[in-house]
């Protein structure tokens, strides 16, 4: 008789690849994407050339990064077992802060 029979459940633990991917999204991909989204959004708002194409692109981009921030940063932190308020603080650090920095860069460039 085999001690590892089919009837015993197998516990699957996330490996280093899963942790590497989630950390690279949290520390690299999400901040870069949100920085450029904030930069592009502020650029469209400041430029004053509101065409249907630019406005729809800006709205779609902003909505997309909001959804992806929740799906790939917030939910991943919740899956790791963090409390909801801690997961939201990570979203603020990894997503909201780079977005605001992108907006501030455009404002600084526009002011000079």
C-alpha atoms as a PDB file:
ATOM      1  CA  UNK A   1       0.000   0.000   0.000  1.00  0.00           C
ATOM      2  CA  UNK A   2       1.248   3.435  -0.948  1.00  0.00           C
ATOM      3  CA  UNK A   3       1.261   6.079   1.830  1.00  0.00           C
ATOM      4  CA  UNK A   4       0.538   8.746  -0.773  1.00  0.00           C
ATOM      5  CA  UNK A   5      -2.695   7.307  -2.087  1.00  0.00           C
ATOM      6  CA  UNK A   6      -5.142   9.195  -4.274  1.00  0.00           C
ATOM      7  CA  UNK A   7      -7.620   9.652  -1.444  1.00  0.00           C
ATOM      8  CA  UNK A   8      -5.346  11.859   0.657  1.00  0.00           C
ATOM      9  CA  UNK A   9      -5.531  15.574  -0.184  1.00  0.00           C
ATOM     10  CA  UNK A  10      -2.384  17.200  -1.437  1.00  0.00           C
ATOM     11  CA  UNK A  11      -1.579  20.555   0.047  1.00  0.00           C
ATOM     12  CA  UNK A  12      -0.356  22.976  -2.590  1.00  0.00           C
ATOM     13  CA  UNK A  13       1.830  25.805  -1.410  1.00  0.00           C
ATOM     14  CA  UNK A  14       2.735  28.736  -3.624  1.00  0.00           C
ATOM     15  CA  UNK A  15       6.328  28.509  -4.706  1.00  0.00           C
ATOM     16  CA  UNK A  16       8.960  31.122  -5.154  1.00  0.00           C
ATOM     17  CA  UNK A  17       7.748  31.853  -8.687  1.00  0.00           C
ATOM     18  CA  UNK A  18       4.343  32.922  -7.424  1.00  0.00           C
ATOM     19  CA  UNK A  19       5.891  35.116  -4.746  1.00  0.00           C
ATOM     20  CA  UNK A  20       8.341  36.594  -7.253  1.00  0.00           C
ATOM     21  CA  UNK A  21       5.556  37.402  -9.718  1.00  0.00           C
ATOM     22  CA  UNK A  22       3.301  39.000  -7.109  1.00  0.00           C
ATOM     23  CA  UNK A  23       6.161  41.042  -5.651  1.00  0.00           C
ATOM     24  CA  UNK A  24       7.309  42.166  -9.095  1.00  0.00           C
ATOM     25  CA  UNK A  25       3.768  43.328  -9.869  1.00  0.00           C
ATOM     26  CA  UNK A  26       3.546  45.126  -6.538  1.00  0.00           C
ATOM     27  CA  UNK A  27       6.973  46.798  -6.602  1.00  0.00           C
ATOM     28  CA  UNK A  28       7.738  47.274 -10.312  1.00  0.00           C
ATOM     29  CA  UNK A  29       4.882  46.835 -12.755  1.00  0.00           C
ATOM     30  CA  UNK A  30       2.043  48.528 -10.839  1.00  0.00           C
ATOM     31  CA  UNK A  31       4.030  51.640  -9.822  1.00  0.00           C
ATOM     32  CA  UNK A  32       5.359  52.136 -13.356  1.00  0.00           C
ATOM     33  CA  UNK A  33       1.947  51.657 -14.951  1.00  0.00           C
ATOM     34  CA  UNK A  34       0.273  53.994 -12.465  1.00  0.00           C
ATOM     35  CA  UNK A  35       2.986  56.633 -12.809  1.00  0.00           C
ATOM     36  CA  UNK A  36       2.550  56.774 -16.582  1.00  0.00           C
ATOM     37  CA  UNK A  37      -1.239  56.689 -16.241  1.00  0.00           C
ATOM     38  CA  UNK A  38      -1.148  59.682 -13.901  1.00  0.00           C
ATOM     39  CA  UNK A  39       1.254  61.442 -16.246  1.00  0.00           C
ATOM     40  CA  UNK A  40      -0.941  60.796 -19.297  1.00  0.00           C
ATOM     41  CA  UNK A  41      -4.193  61.692 -17.526  1.00  0.00           C
ATOM     42  CA  UNK A  42      -2.840  64.977 -16.197  1.00  0.00           C
ATOM     43  CA  UNK A  43      -1.345  65.762 -19.594  1.00  0.00           C
ATOM     44  CA  UNK A  44      -4.738  65.313 -21.270  1.00  0.00           C
ATOM     45  CA  UNK A  45      -6.496  67.431 -18.641  1.00  0.00           C
ATOM     46  CA  UNK A  46      -3.932  70.247 -18.759  1.00  0.00           C
ATOM     47  CA  UNK A  47      -3.535  70.317 -22.545  1.00  0.00           C
ATOM     48  CA  UNK A  48      -7.153  71.330 -23.072  1.00  0.00           C
ATOM     49  CA  UNK A  49      -7.510  69.469 -26.363  1.00  0.00           C
ATOM     50  CA  UNK A  50     -10.481  67.333 -25.458  1.00  0.00           C
ATOM     51  CA  UNK A  51     -11.285  65.118 -28.394  1.00  0.00           C
ATOM     52  CA  UNK A  52     -13.509  62.107 -28.155  1.00  0.00           C
ATOM     53  CA  UNK A  53     -10.560  59.813 -28.827  1.00  0.00           C
ATOM     54  CA  UNK A  54      -8.268  61.245 -26.132  1.00  0.00           C
ATOM     55  CA  UNK A  55     -11.070  61.489 -23.589  1.00  0.00           C
ATOM     56  CA  UNK A  56     -12.211  57.905 -24.135  1.00  0.00           C
ATOM     57  CA  UNK A  57      -8.617  56.639 -24.036  1.00  0.00           C
ATOM     58  CA  UNK A  58      -8.007  58.456 -20.769  1.00  0.00           C
ATOM     59  CA  UNK A  59     -11.192  57.162 -19.197  1.00  0.00           C
ATOM     60  CA  UNK A  60     -10.501  53.594 -20.367  1.00  0.00           C
ATOM     61  CA  UNK A  61      -6.903  53.723 -19.143  1.00  0.00           C
ATOM     62  CA  UNK A  62      -7.888  55.064 -15.738  1.00  0.00           C
ATOM     63  CA  UNK A  63     -10.664  52.511 -15.296  1.00  0.00           C
ATOM     64  CA  UNK A  64      -8.349  49.705 -16.398  1.00  0.00           C
ATOM     65  CA  UNK A  65      -5.614  50.547 -13.920  1.00  0.00           C
ATOM     66  CA  UNK A  66      -8.148  50.895 -11.116  1.00  0.00           C
ATOM     67  CA  UNK A  67      -9.493  47.420 -11.835  1.00  0.00           C
ATOM     68  CA  UNK A  68      -6.050  45.893 -12.277  1.00  0.00           C
ATOM     69  CA  UNK A  69      -4.800  47.527  -9.076  1.00  0.00           C
ATOM     70  CA  UNK A  70      -7.599  45.889  -7.154  1.00  0.00           C
ATOM     71  CA  UNK A  71      -7.232  42.529  -8.877  1.00  0.00           C
ATOM     72  CA  UNK A  72      -3.453  42.168  -8.870  1.00  0.00           C
ATOM     73  CA  UNK A  73      -2.366  44.116  -5.814  1.00  0.00           C
ATOM     74  CA  UNK A  74      -5.246  44.193  -3.323  1.00  0.00           C
ATOM     75  CA  UNK A  75      -6.545  40.670  -3.895  1.00  0.00           C
ATOM     76  CA  UNK A  76      -3.043  39.212  -3.909  1.00  0.00           C
ATOM     77  CA  UNK A  77      -2.317  40.779  -0.531  1.00  0.00           C
ATOM     78  CA  UNK A  78      -5.623  39.481   0.821  1.00  0.00           C
ATOM     79  CA  UNK A  79      -4.742  36.008  -0.486  1.00  0.00           C
ATOM     80  CA  UNK A  80      -1.493  36.197   1.465  1.00  0.00           C
ATOM     81  CA  UNK A  81      -3.566  36.600   4.608  1.00  0.00           C
ATOM     82  CA  UNK A  82      -3.157  40.304   5.308  1.00  0.00           C
ATOM     83  CA  UNK A  83      -5.947  42.282   6.914  1.00  0.00           C
ATOM     84  CA  UNK A  84      -8.106  44.442   4.683  1.00  0.00           C
ATOM     85  CA  UNK A  85      -6.771  47.740   6.001  1.00  0.00           C
ATOM     86  CA  UNK A  86      -3.163  46.578   5.534  1.00  0.00           C
ATOM     87  CA  UNK A  87      -3.929  45.461   1.966  1.00  0.00           C
ATOM     88  CA  UNK A  88      -5.480  48.865   1.183  1.00  0.00           C
ATOM     89  CA  UNK A  89      -2.411  50.625   2.578  1.00  0.00           C
ATOM     90  CA  UNK A  90      -0.266  48.557   0.202  1.00  0.00           C
ATOM     91  CA  UNK A  91      -2.538  49.624  -2.680  1.00  0.00           C
ATOM     92  CA  UNK A  92      -2.092  53.245  -1.656  1.00  0.00           C
ATOM     93  CA  UNK A  93       1.688  52.823  -1.544  1.00  0.00           C
ATOM     94  CA  UNK A  94       2.071  50.776  -4.743  1.00  0.00           C
ATOM     95  CA  UNK A  95      -0.669  52.355  -6.866  1.00  0.00           C
ATOM     96  CA  UNK A  96      -2.050  55.667  -5.614  1.00  0.00           C
ATOM     97  CA  UNK A  97       1.292  57.236  -4.720  1.00  0.00           C
ATOM     98  CA  UNK A  98       2.884  56.622  -8.165  1.00  0.00           C
ATOM     99  CA  UNK A  99      -0.277  57.965  -9.833  1.00  0.00           C
ATOM    100  CA  UNK A 100      -0.082  61.172  -7.800  1.00  0.00           C
ATOM    101  CA  UNK A 101       3.650  61.479  -8.517  1.00  0.00           C
ATOM    102  CA  UNK A 102       2.915  61.216 -12.250  1.00  0.00           C
ATOM    103  CA  UNK A 103       0.354  64.018 -11.954  1.00  0.00           C
ATOM    104  CA  UNK A 104       2.775  66.168  -9.955  1.00  0.00           C
ATOM    105  CA  UNK A 105       5.516  65.670 -12.574  1.00  0.00           C
ATOM    106  CA  UNK A 106       3.196  66.928 -15.320  1.00  0.00           C
ATOM    107  CA  UNK A 107       2.161  69.897 -13.183  1.00  0.00           C
ATOM    108  CA  UNK A 108       5.810  70.709 -12.474  1.00  0.00           C
ATOM    109  CA  UNK A 109       6.725  70.472 -16.146  1.00  0.00           C
ATOM    110  CA  UNK A 110       3.732  72.602 -17.118  1.00  0.00           C
ATOM    111  CA  UNK A 111       4.585  75.277 -14.537  1.00  0.00           C
ATOM    112  CA  UNK A 112       8.101  75.778 -15.886  1.00  0.00           C
END
